[in-house]
């Protein structure tokens, strides 16, 4: 599944859409669509560095884990 490939590539560290596309063989626009969907789900986040947009897996902090199970 393509979406799993995108997440797997990000396990090795932050990457641009172009780098993810190159490593997975998935067209850039499709990679962008997956990343935006993952961002909505809270799985990835992006940041800008040196004029480029990088994407990385989102790390949950301890307070988020605590409140996830509060009913």
Protein backbone atom coordinates (compact mmCIF):
# COMPACT_ATOMS: atom_id res chain seq x y z
CA UNK A 1 0.00 0.00 0.00
CA UNK A 2 1.36 3.36 -1.04
CA UNK A 3 0.33 5.23 2.09
CA UNK A 4 2.31 2.77 4.26
CA UNK A 5 5.37 3.33 2.04
CA UNK A 6 5.15 7.07 2.67
CA UNK A 7 5.08 6.58 6.46
CA UNK A 8 7.92 4.03 6.31
CA UNK A 9 10.18 6.50 4.49
CA UNK A 10 9.57 9.10 7.20
CA UNK A 11 10.71 6.65 9.89
CA UNK A 12 14.31 7.39 8.90
CA UNK A 13 13.84 11.13 9.54
CA UNK A 14 12.31 14.32 8.12
CA UNK A 15 12.04 14.56 4.33
CA UNK A 16 10.67 16.86 1.65
CA UNK A 17 7.86 15.72 -0.63
CA UNK A 18 10.42 15.36 -3.42
CA UNK A 19 12.62 13.08 -1.31
CA UNK A 20 9.66 10.90 -0.30
CA UNK A 21 8.58 10.72 -3.92
CA UNK A 22 12.07 9.74 -5.05
CA UNK A 23 12.43 7.01 -2.41
CA UNK A 24 8.96 5.49 -2.92
CA UNK A 25 8.49 5.98 -6.65
CA UNK A 26 5.13 7.63 -5.90
CA UNK A 27 4.40 10.87 -7.83
CA UNK A 28 4.90 14.06 -5.78
CA UNK A 29 1.27 15.19 -5.95
CA UNK A 30 0.13 11.83 -4.62
CA UNK A 31 2.72 11.96 -1.80
CA UNK A 32 1.48 15.45 -0.92
CA UNK A 33 -2.11 14.20 -0.74
CA UNK A 34 -1.12 11.36 1.62
CA UNK A 35 0.92 13.71 3.82
CA UNK A 36 -1.94 16.21 4.12
CA UNK A 37 -4.31 13.40 5.08
CA UNK A 38 -1.82 12.07 7.66
CA UNK A 39 -1.43 15.60 9.06
CA UNK A 40 -5.21 15.82 9.56
CA UNK A 41 -5.06 12.51 11.43
CA UNK A 42 -2.20 13.77 13.60
CA UNK A 43 0.32 11.21 12.28
CA UNK A 44 2.76 13.64 10.66
CA UNK A 45 3.70 17.29 10.92
CA UNK A 46 5.64 19.71 8.75
CA UNK A 47 8.11 22.50 9.36
CA UNK A 48 10.12 24.89 7.22
CA UNK A 49 13.89 24.93 7.16
CA UNK A 50 16.14 26.77 4.71
CA UNK A 51 13.12 27.63 2.57
CA UNK A 52 12.04 24.00 2.19
CA UNK A 53 9.05 22.23 3.70
CA UNK A 54 9.98 19.08 5.60
CA UNK A 55 7.63 16.39 6.84
CA UNK A 56 8.21 14.12 9.82
CA UNK A 57 6.38 11.59 11.91
CA UNK A 58 4.62 13.28 14.80
CA UNK A 59 5.77 12.29 18.26
CA UNK A 60 3.08 12.01 20.91
CA UNK A 61 3.92 13.72 24.13
CA UNK A 62 3.11 12.20 27.51
CA UNK A 63 0.14 14.49 28.27
CA UNK A 64 -1.53 13.51 25.00
CA UNK A 65 -1.21 9.83 25.94
CA UNK A 66 -2.66 10.53 29.38
CA UNK A 67 -5.73 12.36 28.10
CA UNK A 68 -6.40 9.96 25.24
CA UNK A 69 -7.90 7.45 27.69
CA UNK A 70 -9.87 9.87 29.84
CA UNK A 71 -13.55 9.15 29.26
